[in-house]
Protein backbone atom coordinates (compact mmCIF):
# COMPACT_ATOMS: atom_id res chain seq x y z
CA UNK A 1 129.09 114.59 129.26
CA UNK A 2 128.12 114.85 132.93
CA UNK A 3 127.14 111.99 135.19
CA UNK A 4 123.43 112.85 135.06
CA UNK A 5 123.39 112.68 131.25
CA UNK A 6 125.20 109.34 131.27
CA UNK A 7 122.72 107.99 133.78
CA UNK A 8 119.73 109.09 131.73
CA UNK A 9 121.17 107.43 128.61
CA UNK A 10 121.91 104.26 130.53
CA UNK A 11 118.39 104.05 131.91
CA UNK A 12 116.98 104.69 128.43
CA UNK A 13 119.16 101.99 126.95
CA UNK A 14 118.00 99.50 129.56
CA UNK A 15 114.40 100.18 128.57
CA UNK A 16 113.16 101.14 132.07
CA UNK A 17 109.74 102.22 130.91
CA UNK A 18 106.13 101.22 131.37
CA UNK A 19 105.50 101.54 127.64
CA UNK A 20 104.82 98.13 126.04
CA UNK A 21 106.55 99.11 122.78
CA UNK A 22 109.45 101.56 122.82
CA UNK A 23 111.35 103.38 120.12
CA UNK A 24 114.93 102.13 119.69
CA UNK A 25 116.16 104.54 117.03
CA UNK A 26 115.15 106.48 113.91
CA UNK A 27 117.10 106.75 110.67
CA UNK A 28 116.49 109.84 108.50
CA UNK A 29 116.81 109.15 104.77
CA UNK A 30 117.25 111.52 101.85
CA UNK A 31 113.66 111.23 100.59
CA UNK A 32 110.20 109.88 101.49
CA UNK A 33 109.68 106.12 101.48
CA UNK A 34 106.83 103.67 100.91
CA UNK A 35 109.21 100.71 100.54
CA UNK A 36 109.03 97.72 102.86
CA UNK A 37 112.41 97.24 104.58
CA UNK A 38 114.47 94.11 104.00
CA UNK A 39 115.89 93.13 107.38
CA UNK A 40 118.92 90.83 107.42
CA UNK A 41 121.32 89.74 110.16
CA UNK A 42 123.49 92.85 110.01
CA UNK A 43 121.83 95.19 107.49
CA UNK A 44 118.51 96.84 106.70
CA UNK A 45 117.79 97.82 103.08
CA UNK A 46 114.89 99.98 101.93
CA UNK A 47 113.93 102.15 98.99
CA UNK A 48 112.98 105.80 98.76
CA UNK A 49 111.92 108.29 96.10
CA UNK A 50 115.58 108.70 95.09
CA UNK A 51 117.18 105.28 95.51
CA UNK A 52 118.11 102.52 97.96
CA UNK A 53 119.53 102.92 101.47
CA UNK A 54 121.60 100.41 103.43
CA UNK A 55 121.92 100.92 107.18
CA UNK A 56 123.19 98.77 110.04
CA UNK A 57 121.00 97.22 112.75
CA UNK A 58 121.65 100.18 115.05
CA UNK A 59 120.36 102.69 112.50
CA UNK A 60 123.74 103.84 111.23
CA UNK A 61 124.23 104.86 107.59
CA UNK A 62 126.24 102.37 105.48
CA UNK A 63 125.65 103.37 101.84
CA UNK A 64 123.10 104.74 99.39
CA UNK A 65 122.51 104.17 95.67
CA UNK A 66 120.75 107.15 94.10
CA UNK A 67 120.78 107.44 90.33
CA UNK A 68 118.66 109.66 88.10
CA UNK A 69 115.01 108.68 88.41
CA UNK A 70 115.76 105.76 90.74
CA UNK A 71 112.52 105.79 92.72
CA UNK A 72 112.32 102.50 94.63
CA UNK A 73 108.73 101.72 95.62
CA UNK A 74 108.88 97.96 96.12
CA UNK A 75 110.67 96.26 98.95
CA UNK A 76 114.08 94.81 97.99
CA UNK A 77 114.87 91.09 98.10
CA UNK A 78 118.15 89.28 98.79
CA UNK A 79 120.00 86.32 97.34
CA UNK A 80 123.17 85.44 99.28
CA UNK A 81 125.19 88.69 99.28
CA UNK A 82 123.21 90.41 96.51
CA UNK A 83 120.33 92.88 96.98
CA UNK A 84 117.71 92.93 94.21
CA UNK A 85 115.25 95.74 93.51
CA UNK A 86 113.32 97.49 90.75
CA UNK A 87 112.85 101.19 90.07
CA UNK A 88 110.44 103.65 88.52
CA UNK A 89 113.14 104.40 85.91
CA UNK A 90 112.36 100.96 84.37
CA UNK A 91 115.64 99.48 85.60
CA UNK A 92 116.02 96.33 87.67
CA UNK A 93 119.17 96.28 89.78
CA UNK A 94 121.42 93.76 91.49
CA UNK A 95 123.79 95.32 94.04
CA UNK A 96 126.29 93.77 96.40
CA UNK A 97 126.04 94.14 100.18
CA UNK A 98 128.88 96.67 100.04
CA UNK A 99 126.94 98.93 97.66
CA UNK A 100 128.64 97.97 94.39
CA UNK A 101 126.35 97.65 91.37
CA UNK A 102 126.63 94.08 90.04
CA UNK A 103 124.29 94.36 87.06
CA UNK A 104 121.15 96.10 85.81
CA UNK A 105 118.44 95.21 83.33
CA UNK A 106 116.19 97.61 81.39
CA UNK A 107 112.52 96.65 81.29
CA UNK A 108 109.96 98.38 79.11
CA UNK A 109 108.33 100.46 81.86
CA UNK A 110 108.23 101.19 85.60
CA UNK A 111 108.85 98.49 88.20
CA UNK A 112 106.96 99.00 91.47
CA UNK A 113 106.34 95.56 92.94
CA UNK A 114 108.57 93.51 95.24
CA UNK A 115 110.80 90.98 93.44
CA UNK A 116 110.77 87.29 94.37
CA UNK A 117 114.22 85.80 94.96
CA UNK A 118 114.61 82.06 95.41
CA UNK A 119 117.28 79.49 94.66
CA UNK A 120 119.53 81.28 92.13
CA UNK A 121 116.75 83.16 90.33
CA UNK A 122 114.81 86.40 90.69
CA UNK A 123 111.30 87.00 89.35
CA UNK A 124 109.92 90.51 88.90
CA UNK A 125 107.16 92.26 86.98
CA UNK A 126 106.80 95.58 85.17
CA UNK A 127 104.20 98.01 83.92
CA UNK A 128 105.32 96.89 80.46
CA UNK A 129 102.97 93.90 80.82
CA UNK A 130 105.68 91.31 81.38
CA UNK A 131 107.01 89.08 84.13
CA UNK A 132 110.73 88.25 84.04
CA UNK A 133 112.73 85.37 85.48
CA UNK A 134 116.51 85.86 85.53
CA UNK A 135 119.54 84.11 87.00
CA UNK A 136 120.90 86.30 89.80
CA UNK A 137 124.58 85.59 89.33
CA UNK A 138 124.97 85.97 85.56
CA UNK A 139 121.84 87.95 84.58
CA UNK A 140 120.80 85.19 82.15
CA UNK A 141 117.16 85.50 81.13
CA UNK A 142 115.34 82.24 81.90
CA UNK A 143 111.95 83.30 80.55
CA UNK A 144 109.73 86.30 79.85
CA UNK A 145 105.96 86.06 80.21
CA UNK A 146 104.27 86.38 77.82
CA UNK A 147 106.87 85.48 75.22
CA UNK A 148 106.82 86.89 71.67
CA UNK A 149 104.83 83.98 70.26
CA UNK A 150 102.14 84.22 72.93
CA UNK A 151 101.84 87.98 72.51
CA UNK A 152 100.88 87.52 68.86
CA UNK A 153 97.96 85.24 69.70
CA UNK A 154 94.40 86.61 69.27
CA UNK A 155 93.55 85.56 72.82
CA UNK A 156 95.02 83.95 75.95
CA UNK A 157 96.76 80.59 75.45
CA UNK A 158 94.43 78.92 77.98
CA UNK A 159 91.30 79.76 75.95
CA UNK A 160 90.07 76.45 74.41
CA UNK A 161 89.95 77.82 70.85
CA UNK A 162 93.41 79.35 71.15
CA UNK A 163 94.78 76.14 72.65
CA UNK A 164 93.31 74.12 69.79
CA UNK A 165 94.97 76.52 67.33
CA UNK A 166 98.39 76.38 69.00
CA UNK A 167 98.16 72.57 69.25
CA UNK A 168 97.42 72.43 65.51
CA UNK A 169 100.40 74.69 64.77
CA UNK A 170 102.71 72.48 66.83
CA UNK A 171 101.33 69.33 65.17
CA UNK A 172 101.97 70.83 61.73
CA UNK A 173 105.54 71.74 62.73
CA UNK A 174 106.12 68.15 63.87
CA UNK A 175 104.73 66.70 60.62
CA UNK A 176 106.92 69.06 58.58
CA UNK A 177 109.99 68.02 60.61
CA UNK A 178 109.16 64.32 60.09
CA UNK A 179 108.73 64.88 56.35
CA UNK A 180 112.12 66.59 56.16
CA UNK A 181 113.78 63.80 58.15
CA UNK A 182 112.27 61.10 55.90
CA UNK A 183 113.36 62.96 52.76
CA UNK A 184 116.90 63.28 54.11
CA UNK A 185 117.03 59.57 54.97
CA UNK A 186 115.75 58.58 51.51
CA UNK A 187 118.35 60.79 49.82
CA UNK A 188 121.11 59.21 51.88
CA UNK A 189 120.01 55.77 50.68
CA UNK A 190 119.71 56.93 47.05
CA UNK A 191 115.95 56.50 47.05
CA UNK A 192 113.16 58.79 45.99
CA UNK A 193 111.35 60.23 48.97
CA UNK A 194 107.65 59.65 49.27
CA UNK A 195 105.43 62.67 48.78
CA UNK A 196 104.86 64.21 52.19
CA UNK A 197 103.03 67.38 53.14
CA UNK A 198 102.40 69.09 56.46
CA UNK A 199 99.18 70.51 55.08
CA UNK A 200 97.87 74.04 55.12
CA UNK A 201 98.87 76.36 57.91
CA UNK A 202 96.11 76.49 60.55
CA UNK A 203 94.07 79.69 60.56
CA UNK A 204 93.98 81.48 63.90
CA UNK A 205 90.53 81.97 65.38
CA UNK A 206 89.13 85.46 65.19
CA UNK A 207 89.10 87.44 68.42
CA UNK A 208 85.73 87.37 70.12
CA UNK A 209 84.05 89.89 72.35
CA UNK A 210 84.28 89.50 76.10
CA UNK A 211 86.76 90.13 78.86
CA UNK A 212 88.06 86.56 78.69
CA UNK A 213 89.51 87.36 75.23
CA UNK A 214 91.43 90.48 76.31
CA UNK A 215 95.07 89.74 75.63
CA UNK A 216 98.01 90.22 76.13
CA UNK A 217 98.23 91.28 79.81
CA UNK A 218 98.04 94.95 80.75
CA UNK A 219 100.26 96.55 83.42
CA UNK A 220 101.78 94.51 86.23
CA UNK A 221 101.74 97.18 88.92
CA UNK A 222 102.11 96.77 92.70
CA UNK A 223 101.04 93.13 92.95
CA UNK A 224 104.13 91.07 93.80
CA UNK A 225 104.73 87.50 92.59
CA UNK A 226 104.63 84.50 94.91
CA UNK A 227 105.60 80.86 94.28
CA UNK A 228 102.84 78.33 94.98
CA UNK A 229 103.61 74.73 94.07
CA UNK A 230 104.78 74.84 90.44
CA UNK A 231 103.22 78.24 89.77
CA UNK A 232 104.12 81.91 89.99
CA UNK A 233 100.98 83.91 90.88
CA UNK A 234 100.37 87.67 90.78
CA UNK A 235 97.73 90.26 89.90
CA UNK A 236 97.39 92.71 87.01
CA UNK A 237 95.69 96.00 86.20
CA UNK A 238 93.52 94.23 83.59
CA UNK A 239 91.39 92.76 86.44
CA UNK A 240 93.04 89.34 86.18
CA UNK A 241 95.14 87.18 88.47
CA UNK A 242 97.78 85.26 86.51
CA UNK A 243 99.35 81.88 87.26
CA UNK A 244 102.53 81.15 85.32
CA UNK A 245 104.46 77.88 85.18
CA UNK A 246 107.59 78.55 87.23
CA UNK A 247 109.83 76.45 84.96
CA UNK A 248 108.56 77.29 81.47
CA UNK A 249 107.03 80.74 81.89
CA UNK A 250 103.81 79.60 80.17
CA UNK A 251 100.35 80.65 81.29
CA UNK A 252 98.70 78.02 83.51
CA UNK A 253 95.49 79.89 84.35
CA UNK A 254 94.12 83.36 84.84
CA UNK A 255 91.04 84.48 86.75
CA UNK A 256 89.13 87.72 86.29
CA UNK A 257 88.09 89.60 89.44
CA UNK A 258 85.79 92.62 89.80
CA UNK A 259 88.44 95.30 89.24
CA UNK A 260 92.13 96.11 88.96
CA UNK A 261 94.43 93.98 91.12
CA UNK A 262 97.22 95.75 93.01
CA UNK A 263 97.06 93.53 96.11
CA UNK A 264 99.72 90.82 96.33
CA UNK A 265 98.59 87.18 96.62
CA UNK A 266 99.11 85.17 99.78
CA UNK A 267 98.79 81.37 99.86
CA UNK A 268 97.57 79.00 102.54
CA UNK A 269 96.16 75.44 102.49
CA UNK A 270 95.73 75.26 98.71
CA UNK A 271 94.02 78.65 98.56
CA UNK A 272 95.33 81.97 97.28
CA UNK A 273 93.91 85.09 98.92
CA UNK A 274 94.05 88.31 96.92
CA UNK A 275 92.20 91.62 96.91
CA UNK A 276 90.54 93.53 94.08
CA UNK A 277 89.99 97.28 93.79
CA UNK A 278 86.47 96.85 92.46
CA UNK A 279 84.80 99.01 89.85
CA UNK A 280 83.93 102.39 91.28
CA UNK A 281 82.28 103.89 88.20
CA UNK A 282 79.82 102.93 85.51
CA UNK A 283 76.26 101.64 85.81
CA UNK A 284 76.99 99.03 88.48
CA UNK A 285 79.80 100.24 90.76
CA UNK A 286 81.16 97.78 93.32
CA UNK A 287 83.76 98.14 96.02
CA UNK A 288 86.75 95.88 96.30
CA UNK A 289 86.55 92.24 97.29
CA UNK A 290 88.88 89.80 98.95
CA UNK A 291 88.93 86.58 96.92
CA UNK A 292 89.85 83.03 97.82
CA UNK A 293 91.07 81.17 94.70
CA UNK A 294 91.96 77.52 94.25
CA UNK A 295 95.73 77.72 93.78
CA UNK A 296 95.86 74.92 91.17
CA UNK A 297 92.97 75.99 88.95
CA UNK A 298 92.28 79.64 89.77
CA UNK A 299 88.62 78.87 90.46
CA UNK A 300 86.95 81.38 92.79
CA UNK A 301 86.15 79.52 96.01
CA UNK A 302 84.76 82.42 98.03
CA UNK A 303 84.86 86.22 98.35
CA UNK A 304 84.29 88.99 100.90
CA UNK A 305 82.83 92.41 100.11
CA UNK A 306 84.93 95.24 101.58
CA UNK A 307 83.95 98.89 101.97
CA UNK A 308 86.43 100.22 99.38
CA UNK A 309 89.42 99.20 97.26
CA UNK A 310 91.71 96.51 98.63
CA UNK A 311 95.36 97.39 97.97
CA UNK A 312 96.44 95.56 101.13
CA UNK A 313 97.52 91.92 101.20
CA UNK A 314 96.43 89.47 103.87
CA UNK A 315 98.35 88.15 106.84
CA UNK A 316 97.32 84.62 107.77
CA UNK A 317 97.50 83.83 111.48
CA UNK A 318 96.01 80.47 112.37
CA UNK A 319 92.40 80.50 111.19
CA UNK A 320 92.31 84.28 110.76
CA UNK A 321 92.98 86.65 107.88
CA UNK A 322 94.01 90.26 108.55
CA UNK A 323 94.06 93.01 105.89
CA UNK A 324 92.83 96.54 105.20
CA UNK A 325 91.04 98.68 102.64
CA UNK A 326 91.43 102.20 101.25
CA UNK A 327 88.67 103.54 103.51
CA UNK A 328 90.93 102.83 106.48
CA UNK A 329 89.23 99.65 107.69
CA UNK A 330 91.25 96.80 109.14
CA UNK A 331 89.46 93.46 108.92
CA UNK A 332 89.74 90.11 110.67
CA UNK A 333 88.06 87.30 108.74
CA UNK A 334 87.65 83.58 109.27
CA UNK A 335 90.09 82.05 106.76
CA UNK A 336 87.73 79.25 105.71
CA UNK A 337 84.40 81.06 105.51
CA UNK A 338 85.59 84.67 104.91
CA UNK A 339 83.06 85.76 107.53
CA UNK A 340 83.99 88.96 109.35
CA UNK A 341 85.02 88.56 113.01
CA UNK A 342 85.76 92.22 113.63
CA UNK A 343 86.84 95.43 111.91
CA UNK A 344 88.66 98.54 113.12
CA UNK A 345 88.45 101.99 111.51
CA UNK A 346 91.49 104.24 111.10
CA UNK A 347 91.54 107.71 109.57
CA UNK A 348 93.75 106.89 106.61
CA UNK A 349 93.92 104.34 103.79
CA UNK A 350 95.40 100.92 104.55
CA UNK A 351 97.64 99.80 101.69
CA UNK A 352 100.17 97.54 103.41
CA UNK A 353 100.21 93.94 104.58
CA UNK A 354 99.88 93.58 108.37
CA UNK A 355 102.53 91.88 110.49
CA UNK A 356 101.85 89.55 113.42
CA UNK A 357 103.64 89.20 116.75
CA UNK A 358 102.21 86.86 119.41
CA UNK A 359 98.69 88.20 120.18
CA UNK A 360 99.16 91.44 118.23
CA UNK A 361 98.64 92.53 114.64
CA UNK A 362 100.60 95.56 113.37
CA UNK A 363 99.42 97.81 110.54
CA UNK A 364 100.16 101.36 109.38
CA UNK A 365 97.68 103.92 108.06
CA UNK A 366 98.14 106.50 105.32
CA UNK A 367 97.26 110.14 104.66
CA UNK A 368 94.99 111.61 107.34
CA UNK A 369 96.21 109.24 110.02
CA UNK A 370 99.96 108.47 109.64
CA UNK A 371 100.03 106.06 112.60
CA UNK A 372 101.39 102.58 113.20
CA UNK A 373 98.91 100.48 115.17
CA UNK A 374 99.24 97.37 117.30
CA UNK A 375 95.79 95.77 117.55
CA UNK A 376 94.76 92.81 119.65
CA UNK A 377 94.19 89.92 117.26
CA UNK A 378 91.18 88.58 119.15
CA UNK A 379 89.20 91.83 119.33
CA UNK A 380 90.75 94.56 117.17
CA UNK A 381 91.19 96.72 120.25
CA UNK A 382 94.05 99.24 120.07
CA UNK A 383 96.92 98.10 122.29
CA UNK A 384 99.47 100.69 121.12
CA UNK A 385 99.92 103.28 118.40
CA UNK A 386 102.62 105.67 117.23
CA UNK A 387 102.15 108.76 115.07
CA UNK A 388 104.65 109.74 112.38
CA UNK A 389 104.75 112.88 110.27
CA UNK A 390 103.89 111.14 107.02
CA UNK A 391 101.74 108.42 105.51
CA UNK A 392 102.70 104.80 106.19
CA UNK A 393 102.29 102.51 103.17
CA UNK A 394 105.12 100.05 103.70
CA UNK A 395 104.56 96.67 105.34
CA UNK A 396 105.68 96.59 108.97
CA UNK A 397 108.45 94.02 109.46
CA UNK A 398 108.92 91.98 112.65
CA UNK A 399 112.32 90.45 113.35
CA UNK A 400 112.49 88.72 116.72
CA UNK A 401 110.96 91.27 119.09
CA UNK A 402 111.86 94.25 116.92
CA UNK A 403 109.48 96.22 114.70
CA UNK A 404 110.67 98.13 111.62
CA UNK A 405 108.72 100.33 109.20
CA UNK A 406 109.22 103.31 106.90
CA UNK A 407 107.16 106.49 106.63
CA UNK A 408 106.74 109.20 104.05
CA UNK A 409 108.39 111.55 106.56
CA UNK A 410 111.75 110.19 105.26
CA UNK A 411 112.29 108.01 108.31
CA UNK A 412 112.80 104.36 109.06
CA UNK A 413 111.65 103.53 112.59
CA UNK A 414 112.87 100.75 114.87
CA UNK A 415 110.90 99.71 117.97
CA UNK A 416 111.34 97.13 120.71
CA UNK A 417 108.25 95.06 121.59
CA UNK A 418 108.47 94.56 125.34
CA UNK A 419 104.97 93.48 126.33
CA UNK A 420 101.88 92.01 124.73
CA UNK A 421 98.32 91.70 126.07
C-alpha cells in the first residue's frame, strides 16, 4: 500500500468529515434481515432469513447458525453468556456466545417476536396461541399460558361467570379432599366416618355471543412481551392485549382493541402504550389506534387515531411519544394527552420502534423508501438520512454514540453519531 492510500485511510479513520453521522462499517450477511440487533460489549447478534449471525464490534464475522427453515425475525435476547431467539421453524433456541447450541424447544407454530430474558428465565410467544416461561440454564418449563385447564374453559378465566364456575370447581375439590381426610382419620381411630359429600360437579356456563367470550387466545405474532410490575403484557392477533401473572402464568386481564395487535407494548408511569392495526374492511372500517392502557387493570385511558395500521412500538422520551404507521407517518404525541405535536411523512411503511439520542429520534422506513432517518425531536425536521438497498423494519439500536440497524439488503450498518442539532 502506498503512502497516499495509508493517509486516506488514516484520515477516514479519524473521522475528518463535516457529516454529522458517518458510516463506520457494513457487514454483509448471507440473507435479508428484519431482526433488531442485540448489541453487547464485544458482540453483535442478529437474525436473518436463514439463521443467526454473530459478529464483533468492528463488523468482523464470528459465527453463524443456519439450520433448515431457521428464519429469525425477532431480535435475540441475552442471559449471561447465552443468546436466546425464536425461529419461523417453530423452534426456540439457546446458544452460547461461542456459537454452540445449548438447547432447543419445539413450540406448536412459528415464533416471530422478541423474547424477554430476565433473571434466570426467558419468556417468549408463538403463533400456536401460547406464551412460554422457561428457565434458561436447564430448559425447565415454569409455565405455559394458557395451560390445559384454562384452554378447556368456555370463555376467558377473567369473565365473571367463568370465574364463578372455576371457583365452584376449586371449592368442590377442597370439600372432597376434606371428606377424604376425615374418612381416613376416622378409619385410623376405628370409628365410622360421617357421611360426607362434595356435591354435584358444577356445570360450566354455556358460551355466549360477543368478542369478550372468544377464547382461547389466537396467534401471538410480532408483539413482544414486557414485564410491568407483576405482569407480563403483550398483544395478540385476536384484537386483545393480554396481561399474565409473571409468577403463575394465569390471566390477570385482557383488553380488546379495534383490530389485530402486532405492536409491542411499552410502559411508562403506570400506563402501557400499544398500537392496533384497526379494521380495514367491513361496514365500519377504522385505521389503527395508539392506546394508553392502565397497566394494572387494562382499562383504556386514552387513544389516538392514526392514518393506517400501527405495527410500530412507541419510544418514550420525556413527555413525548414517538412511533410510526404503515402509511409511512412518524408521529410525536404528548404522552399524557395523546395530542399530536408533529408528524413526518416518509415514502415507506414504518414498522419499527424508534431510537432516541440526545435531541434526535432515529427511525427506518420500509419498501418504497428504504432510508434510516434522524429527525429533530422538537420539530420532526430531517437532520440526516441514509438510503439502503432494501426495506428497513428492524429497530435502530443506539449504544453510546454508535447507531446499528439491519436492512433487507442483507447488511448490518454501523454509524458514528458525531454531531446533533
